[in-house]
Amino acid sequence: MIEPESRRAEPFAFELRASDPSTGARRGCFHTPHGEVQTPTFMPVGTQATVKGLTVDQVRATGAEMILGNTYHLGLRPGHELIRQLGGLHAFMGWEGPILTDSGGFQIFSLANLTEITEQAATFRSHIDGRRVTLTPEHAIEIQESLGSDVAMVLDHVIALPAPPEAVVDATERSIRWAERCLQAAQRRDQAKFAIVQGGLDETLRRRCAEELARMPFQGYAVGGLSVGEPPAEMYRIVAATCPSLPVERPRYLMGVGRPIDMLETIALGIDLFDCVMPTRNGRNASAFTSQGIMKMRNAKHRDDPRPLDPECGCLACQRSRAYLRHLFVAGEMLGPILLTIHNLTYYQRVMSEARQAIERGTFAALLEKHRHLWGRLSGEAL
């Protein structure tokens, strides 16, 4: 469907262009002040204003259109006021495309020391220097507005799973109240605000949270609190239960996911946006995602192998031999992690491009089945 001119004049619009007839997969375009994002898509993680090891030109060359930064990290170091004074996050890091910033809820849960959550705020000690920091929903928005990202995430209350049902309910209801406070604090019209659906592994609670947030005027909605150790089938179950309660005309973002097969499975359930450290972290640790499976480049079998890493890829890493890539890791050369990071991000973008094309052609179900066969056959196996 084509957006009306009145809608397209707004800073943000989500245009649905196609849907797969046999799944819930959607092909869209997210219009932002810094450019269009073709969906479904994967956002490389640039937590501290950098995708580790790569220049912005190298990130762009992988096919990435939108990247992710983080409120918690950038607020602590170098500080949002400094970034604002230097022209905002786009100018600071040299990335001209769209940027999404996470609010810091997950990092408070996973990194900060001695976290205390009250109705008013999250209080914690910095993992950098131990100083005491208080983050309210309003301050999370203030930081992100100083950063000038295209999309700001609300501050949510993340808890470890499994947890007592009453604790999950309490955190979910607080996340709804905090989302409303974030909306009320927002000042920038040129920054979209995305809500985050919580609710643990309780389908009823997830639907209730999604329905409450859907009544608020957010420009997008995320599914949070997953990919934290639960089996993939449980994640799929919760996504399947949540997406029908989210507005069709808004982008849907599954936070922190993940493996290529997880992205494809949840695209089939209606998800549009993804982020995860997996491709970059694995690349730094000599692990490559390829059309043939996962390759461990320190393995001795690659010592004298003249073949490219992935014959279906033309990235910088795949212009060198497997033997050369292994040599770089064995020798401790920094070029090895750089090249495999480039390759893994290129692979992820290729999977997203194939998904978009398959949705347009009405063949997404076949693409999903192909990847199910590949990753099922290679489960737990490294080449």
Protein backbone atom coordinates (compact mmCIF):
# COMPACT_ATOMS: atom_id res chain seq x y z
CA MET A 1 0.00 0.00 0.00
CA ILE A 2 1.19 3.53 -0.72
CA GLU A 3 1.24 6.10 2.06
CA PRO A 4 -0.96 9.22 1.55
CA GLU A 5 0.95 12.44 0.86
CA SER A 6 -0.21 13.91 4.17
CA ARG A 7 1.32 10.94 5.99
CA ARG A 8 4.54 11.02 3.99
CA ALA A 9 5.03 14.69 4.99
CA GLU A 10 5.52 13.52 8.60
CA PRO A 11 9.11 12.83 9.80
CA PHE A 12 8.31 9.11 10.10
CA ALA A 13 6.14 6.73 8.11
CA PHE A 14 5.99 2.97 7.72
CA GLU A 15 4.95 1.81 4.28
CA LEU A 16 3.81 -1.78 3.81
CA ARG A 17 4.74 -2.89 0.30
CA ALA A 18 4.04 -6.63 0.28
CA SER A 19 3.09 -9.56 2.47
CA ASP A 20 3.69 -13.26 2.06
CA PRO A 21 0.44 -15.17 1.39
CA SER A 22 1.29 -18.21 3.52
CA THR A 23 3.02 -16.57 6.52
CA GLY A 24 2.88 -13.31 8.44
CA ALA A 25 6.02 -11.98 6.74
CA ARG A 26 5.93 -8.30 5.76
CA ARG A 27 7.96 -6.27 3.27
CA GLY A 28 8.06 -2.60 4.13
CA CYS A 29 9.92 0.69 4.14
CA PHE A 30 10.51 2.78 7.26
CA HIS A 31 10.92 6.46 6.34
CA THR A 32 13.11 8.49 8.75
CA PRO A 33 14.73 11.95 8.71
CA HIS A 34 18.08 10.32 7.85
CA GLY A 35 16.83 8.06 5.08
CA GLU A 36 14.75 5.02 4.25
CA VAL A 37 15.15 1.60 5.84
CA GLN A 38 14.01 -1.37 3.76
CA THR A 39 12.40 -3.98 5.99
CA PRO A 40 12.80 -6.63 7.20
CA THR A 41 16.31 -5.57 8.12
CA PHE A 42 19.16 -6.16 10.54
CA MET A 43 20.75 -3.29 12.49
CA PRO A 44 24.46 -3.74 13.36
CA VAL A 45 25.16 -2.93 17.00
CA GLY A 46 27.27 0.20 17.51
CA THR A 47 26.84 0.36 21.28
CA GLN A 48 29.50 2.96 21.98
CA ALA A 49 29.19 4.96 18.75
CA THR A 50 31.14 2.36 16.80
CA VAL A 51 30.50 -1.03 15.25
CA LYS A 52 33.56 -2.68 16.77
CA GLY A 53 36.56 -2.74 14.46
CA LEU A 54 34.89 -1.15 11.42
CA THR A 55 34.71 2.31 9.91
CA VAL A 56 31.27 3.65 9.00
CA ASP A 57 32.16 3.19 5.32
CA GLN A 58 32.89 -0.49 5.92
CA VAL A 59 29.60 -0.88 7.80
CA ARG A 60 27.72 0.79 4.97
CA ALA A 61 29.43 -1.47 2.41
CA THR A 62 27.92 -4.53 4.14
CA GLY A 63 24.48 -3.28 3.10
CA ALA A 64 23.45 -1.90 6.50
CA GLU A 65 21.02 1.02 6.39
CA MET A 66 20.38 1.56 10.11
CA ILE A 67 22.57 0.99 13.16
CA LEU A 68 22.05 0.87 16.91
CA GLY A 69 23.63 2.90 19.72
CA ASN A 70 23.04 2.71 23.47
CA THR A 71 21.82 5.26 26.02
CA TYR A 72 23.41 3.54 29.02
CA HIS A 73 26.91 3.39 27.55
CA LEU A 74 26.94 6.75 25.78
CA GLY A 75 25.33 8.48 28.74
CA LEU A 76 28.14 7.24 30.99
CA ARG A 77 30.95 7.78 28.48
CA PRO A 78 31.60 10.25 26.86
CA GLY A 79 28.30 11.74 28.09
CA HIS A 80 25.25 12.85 26.13
CA GLU A 81 25.91 16.57 26.68
CA LEU A 82 29.32 16.30 25.04
CA ILE A 83 27.84 14.43 22.06
CA ARG A 84 25.11 17.07 21.78
CA GLN A 85 27.71 19.85 21.81
CA LEU A 86 29.61 18.07 19.03
CA GLY A 87 26.55 17.95 16.77
CA GLY A 88 24.76 14.80 17.90
CA LEU A 89 25.47 11.12 17.45
CA HIS A 90 25.35 11.18 13.63
CA ALA A 91 28.06 13.83 13.41
CA PHE A 92 30.02 12.37 16.34
CA MET A 93 30.48 8.95 14.73
CA GLY A 94 30.21 10.00 11.08
CA TRP A 95 27.18 7.84 10.25
CA GLU A 96 24.73 9.63 7.96
CA GLY A 97 21.98 6.99 7.97
CA PRO A 98 19.25 6.28 10.54
CA ILE A 99 20.23 5.41 14.11
CA LEU A 100 18.17 3.68 16.81
CA THR A 101 19.24 4.08 20.44
CA ASP A 102 18.31 1.54 23.09
CA SER A 103 17.21 3.10 26.37
CA GLY A 104 19.59 1.19 28.64
CA GLY A 105 17.04 -1.02 30.39
CA PHE A 106 18.77 -4.24 29.40
CA GLN A 107 22.24 -2.90 30.26
CA ILE A 108 21.05 -1.82 33.73
CA PHE A 109 19.82 -5.39 34.18
CA SER A 110 22.91 -7.09 32.76
CA LEU A 111 25.90 -4.81 33.49
CA ALA A 112 25.23 -2.36 36.30
CA ASN A 113 26.10 -3.21 39.90
CA LEU A 114 23.68 -3.10 42.83
CA THR A 115 20.68 -2.02 40.78
CA GLU A 116 17.63 -0.81 42.70
CA ILE A 117 14.33 -0.38 40.86
CA THR A 118 11.59 1.81 42.27
CA GLU A 119 8.50 3.27 40.65
CA GLN A 120 10.39 6.50 40.08
CA ALA A 121 13.72 5.30 38.67
CA ALA A 122 16.48 2.75 38.30
CA THR A 123 19.45 3.49 40.56
CA PHE A 124 22.70 1.65 39.98
CA ARG A 125 26.46 1.85 40.18
CA SER A 126 28.32 2.33 36.90
CA HIS A 127 30.19 -0.72 35.64
CA ILE A 128 32.97 1.70 34.59
CA ASP A 129 33.86 3.53 37.80
CA GLY A 130 31.30 2.48 40.39
CA ARG A 131 29.67 5.90 40.71
CA ARG A 132 26.02 6.03 41.66
CA VAL A 133 23.69 6.82 38.74
CA THR A 134 19.93 7.36 38.66
CA LEU A 135 18.02 6.87 35.43
CA THR A 136 14.34 7.82 35.19
CA PRO A 137 12.17 7.31 32.10
CA GLU A 138 12.31 11.07 31.57
CA HIS A 139 16.09 11.18 31.76
CA ALA A 140 16.39 8.25 29.35
CA ILE A 141 14.43 10.30 26.81
CA GLU A 142 16.46 13.45 27.59
CA ILE A 143 19.70 11.57 26.88
CA GLN A 144 18.39 10.16 23.61
CA GLU A 145 17.10 13.54 22.48
CA SER A 146 20.58 14.95 23.16
CA LEU A 147 22.08 12.13 21.10
CA GLY A 148 19.67 12.98 18.27
CA SER A 149 18.96 9.41 17.19
CA ASP A 150 16.14 8.78 14.73
CA VAL A 151 14.47 6.27 17.05
CA ALA A 152 14.49 6.40 20.85
CA MET A 153 13.42 3.40 22.90
CA VAL A 154 11.43 3.79 26.11
CA LEU A 155 13.00 2.79 29.41
CA ASP A 156 11.63 -0.59 30.47
CA HIS A 157 12.01 -2.82 33.52
CA VAL A 158 13.92 -5.95 32.49
CA ILE A 159 14.10 -8.91 34.86
CA ALA A 160 15.82 -12.27 34.74
CA LEU A 161 13.86 -15.33 33.69
CA PRO A 162 12.53 -17.56 35.08
CA ALA A 163 11.00 -15.34 37.75
CA PRO A 164 7.99 -15.61 40.08
CA PRO A 165 4.77 -14.68 38.24
CA GLU A 166 4.14 -11.73 40.54
CA ALA A 167 7.59 -10.30 39.74
CA VAL A 168 6.95 -10.58 36.00
CA VAL A 169 3.58 -8.87 36.36
CA ASP A 170 5.10 -6.09 38.47
CA ALA A 171 7.91 -5.43 35.97
CA THR A 172 5.50 -5.52 33.02
CA GLU A 173 3.05 -3.07 34.56
CA ARG A 174 5.91 -0.76 35.53
CA SER A 175 7.21 -0.92 31.95
CA ILE A 176 3.76 0.23 30.71
CA ARG A 177 3.72 3.15 33.17
CA TRP A 178 7.30 4.09 32.28
CA ALA A 179 6.43 4.00 28.57
CA GLU A 180 3.68 6.56 29.16
CA ARG A 181 6.09 8.76 31.11
CA CYS A 182 8.59 8.57 28.24
CA LEU A 183 5.92 9.77 25.81
CA GLN A 184 4.98 12.66 28.07
CA ALA A 185 8.64 13.70 28.39
CA ALA A 186 9.37 13.65 24.65
CA GLN A 187 10.06 17.02 23.02
CA ARG A 188 11.57 16.23 19.61
CA ARG A 189 9.19 15.79 16.71
CA ASP A 190 12.06 14.50 14.55
CA GLN A 191 12.71 11.50 16.82
CA ALA A 192 10.40 8.48 16.80
CA LYS A 193 9.57 6.80 20.09
CA PHE A 194 9.27 3.00 20.23
CA ALA A 195 7.51 1.16 23.08
CA ILE A 196 8.77 -2.18 24.41
CA VAL A 197 6.42 -5.10 25.13
CA GLN A 198 7.40 -7.11 28.21
CA GLY A 199 5.68 -10.00 29.95
CA GLY A 200 8.20 -12.82 30.24
CA LEU A 201 6.99 -16.12 28.78
CA ASP A 202 3.33 -15.48 29.69
CA GLU A 203 1.26 -15.13 26.51
CA THR A 204 -1.69 -13.50 28.26
CA LEU A 205 0.54 -10.92 29.94
CA ARG A 206 2.35 -10.21 26.67
CA ARG A 207 -0.92 -9.59 24.87
CA ARG A 208 -2.17 -7.33 27.64
CA CYS A 209 1.06 -5.32 27.60
CA ALA A 210 0.96 -5.03 23.79
CA GLU A 211 -2.66 -3.90 23.84
CA GLU A 212 -1.98 -1.25 26.49
CA LEU A 213 1.01 0.12 24.58
CA ALA A 214 -0.86 0.02 21.26
CA ARG A 215 -3.33 2.54 22.70
CA MET A 216 -0.48 5.04 23.02
CA PRO A 217 0.79 7.05 20.01
CA PHE A 218 4.15 5.36 19.49
CA GLN A 219 5.74 5.27 16.03
CA GLY A 220 6.92 1.69 16.52
CA TYR A 221 6.78 -1.26 18.91
CA ALA A 222 9.44 -3.66 20.13
CA VAL A 223 9.28 -7.10 21.71
CA GLY A 224 11.82 -7.16 24.54
CA GLY A 225 12.97 -9.53 27.24
CA LEU A 226 13.58 -12.48 24.90
CA SER A 227 16.71 -14.21 23.57
CA VAL A 228 18.01 -14.37 27.14
CA GLY A 229 18.49 -18.13 27.32
CA GLU A 230 15.00 -19.50 26.68
CA PRO A 231 14.66 -22.22 23.99
CA PRO A 232 14.01 -20.81 20.48
CA ALA A 233 10.57 -22.46 20.40
CA GLU A 234 9.56 -20.44 23.47
CA MET A 235 10.71 -17.22 21.84
CA TYR A 236 8.72 -18.02 18.69
CA ARG A 237 5.65 -18.81 20.81
CA ILE A 238 5.77 -15.44 22.54
CA VAL A 239 6.40 -13.49 19.34
CA ALA A 240 3.47 -15.31 17.69
CA ALA A 241 1.23 -14.39 20.62
CA THR A 242 2.37 -10.75 20.70
CA CYS A 243 2.45 -9.53 17.09
CA PRO A 244 -1.32 -9.77 16.42
CA SER A 245 -1.88 -7.23 19.23
CA LEU A 246 0.49 -4.67 17.69
CA PRO A 247 -0.61 -2.06 15.10
CA VAL A 248 -0.25 -3.33 11.54
CA GLU A 249 0.80 0.11 10.30
CA ARG A 250 3.81 0.44 12.66
CA PRO A 251 7.22 -1.27 12.49
CA ARG A 252 7.85 -4.18 14.86
CA TYR A 253 11.29 -4.73 16.37
CA LEU A 254 12.52 -7.92 18.06
CA MET A 255 15.33 -6.84 20.38
CA GLY A 256 18.60 -8.76 20.65
CA VAL A 257 17.87 -11.44 18.03
CA GLY A 258 19.88 -13.20 16.82
CA ARG A 259 20.75 -16.24 14.79
CA PRO A 260 19.85 -16.09 11.08
CA ILE A 261 17.26 -18.85 11.49
CA ASP A 262 15.69 -17.02 14.47
CA MET A 263 15.33 -13.88 12.37
CA LEU A 264 13.68 -15.77 9.52
CA GLU A 265 11.34 -17.66 11.85
CA THR A 266 10.17 -14.41 13.45
CA ILE A 267 9.94 -12.54 10.14
CA ALA A 268 7.34 -15.21 9.34
CA LEU A 269 5.49 -14.06 12.48
CA GLY A 270 5.48 -10.38 11.48
CA ILE A 271 8.76 -8.88 12.78
CA ASP A 272 10.46 -6.11 10.75
CA LEU A 273 13.63 -5.04 12.63
CA PHE A 274 16.44 -6.91 14.38
CA ASP A 275 19.71 -6.23 16.18
CA CYS A 276 22.26 -8.51 17.82
CA VAL A 277 25.96 -8.58 18.72
CA MET A 278 26.24 -12.15 17.41
CA PRO A 279 27.68 -11.43 13.93
CA THR A 280 30.30 -8.97 15.21
CA ARG A 281 31.21 -10.89 18.37
CA ASN A 282 31.48 -14.17 16.47
CA GLY A 283 33.61 -12.47 13.81
CA ARG A 284 36.06 -11.24 16.43
CA ASN A 285 36.30 -14.81 17.70
CA ALA A 286 37.09 -16.46 14.32
CA SER A 287 33.55 -17.74 13.74
CA ALA A 288 31.98 -17.05 10.33
CA PHE A 289 28.36 -17.39 9.18
CA THR A 290 28.29 -18.78 5.65
CA SER A 291 25.85 -20.27 3.16
CA GLN A 292 27.29 -23.67 4.16
CA GLY A 293 27.00 -23.16 7.93
CA ILE A 294 29.26 -21.78 10.65
CA MET A 295 33.01 -22.00 10.03
CA LYS A 296 35.61 -21.85 12.79
CA MET A 297 38.59 -20.25 11.11
CA ARG A 298 41.14 -21.39 13.69
CA ASN A 299 40.48 -25.04 12.75
CA ALA A 300 43.56 -26.77 11.34
CA LYS A 301 41.54 -28.07 8.36
CA HIS A 302 41.67 -24.56 6.86
CA ARG A 303 45.49 -24.31 7.07
CA ASP A 304 46.14 -24.90 3.35
CA ASP A 305 42.64 -24.38 1.91
CA PRO A 306 42.77 -22.02 -1.11
CA ARG A 307 39.00 -21.62 -1.42
CA PRO A 308 37.16 -18.45 -0.48
CA LEU A 309 35.33 -18.38 2.84
CA ASP A 310 31.90 -18.39 1.15
CA PRO A 311 31.58 -18.86 -2.62
CA GLU A 312 28.24 -17.00 -2.55
CA CYS A 313 29.76 -13.85 -1.02
CA GLY A 314 31.92 -11.14 -2.57
CA CYS A 315 32.94 -9.24 0.58
CA LEU A 316 36.55 -8.34 1.43
CA ALA A 317 37.01 -11.50 3.52
CA CYS A 318 35.78 -13.71 0.70
CA GLN A 319 38.34 -12.19 -1.66
CA ARG A 320 41.01 -14.00 0.38
CA SER A 321 41.55 -17.70 0.97
CA ARG A 322 40.45 -19.65 4.01
CA ALA A 323 44.13 -20.40 4.59
CA TYR A 324 44.93 -16.67 4.77
CA LEU A 325 42.07 -15.93 7.14
CA ARG A 326 43.16 -18.75 9.44
CA HIS A 327 46.73 -17.45 9.34
CA LEU A 328 45.57 -14.00 10.51
CA PHE A 329 43.86 -15.45 13.58
CA VAL A 330 46.68 -17.83 14.45
CA ALA A 331 49.18 -14.97 14.11
CA GLY A 332 47.04 -12.65 16.23
CA GLU A 333 46.69 -10.06 13.47
CA MET A 334 43.86 -7.56 13.96
CA LEU A 335 42.90 -7.85 10.29
CA GLY A 336 41.39 -11.28 10.97
CA PRO A 337 38.60 -10.04 13.29
CA ILE A 338 38.01 -7.05 11.01
CA LEU A 339 37.55 -9.19 7.91
CA LEU A 340 35.27 -11.73 9.60
CA THR A 341 33.18 -8.94 11.13
CA ILE A 342 32.72 -7.48 7.65
CA HIS A 343 31.81 -10.91 6.31
CA ASN A 344 29.29 -11.76 9.05
CA LEU A 345 27.50 -8.44 8.71
CA THR A 346 27.44 -8.88 4.93
CA TYR A 347 25.97 -12.36 5.37
CA TYR A 348 23.24 -11.05 7.69
CA GLN A 349 22.33 -8.32 5.21
CA ARG A 350 22.24 -10.88 2.39
CA VAL A 351 19.81 -13.02 4.38
CA MET A 352 17.61 -9.94 4.92
CA SER A 353 17.77 -9.06 1.22
CA GLU A 354 16.76 -12.60 0.27
CA ALA A 355 13.87 -12.39 2.73
CA ARG A 356 12.62 -9.12 1.23
CA GLN A 357 12.80 -10.51 -2.29
CA ALA A 358 11.04 -13.74 -1.27
CA ILE A 359 8.20 -11.81 0.40
CA GLU A 360 7.73 -9.74 -2.76
CA ARG A 361 7.60 -12.91 -4.87
CA GLY A 362 5.35 -14.79 -2.46
CA THR A 363 8.03 -17.45 -1.87
CA PHE A 364 9.08 -16.67 1.71
CA ALA A 365 7.80 -20.00 3.04
CA ALA A 366 10.17 -21.82 0.68
CA LEU A 367 13.11 -19.65 1.77
CA LEU A 368 12.33 -20.35 5.41
CA GLU A 369 12.16 -24.09 4.77
CA LYS A 370 15.53 -23.97 3.00
CA HIS A 371 17.16 -22.33 6.03
CA ARG A 372 15.40 -24.65 8.45
CA HIS A 373 16.96 -27.56 6.59
CA LEU A 374 20.42 -25.93 6.57
CA TRP A 375 20.53 -24.90 10.23
CA GLY A 376 18.74 -28.03 11.42
CA ARG A 377 21.24 -30.21 9.60
CA LEU A 378 24.16 -28.20 11.00
CA SER A 379 22.80 -27.74 14.53
CA GLY A 380 25.74 -27.72 16.92
CA GLU A 381 28.17 -28.37 14.09
CA ALA A 382 31.03 -26.11 13.02
CA LEU A 383 32.92 -26.56 9.77
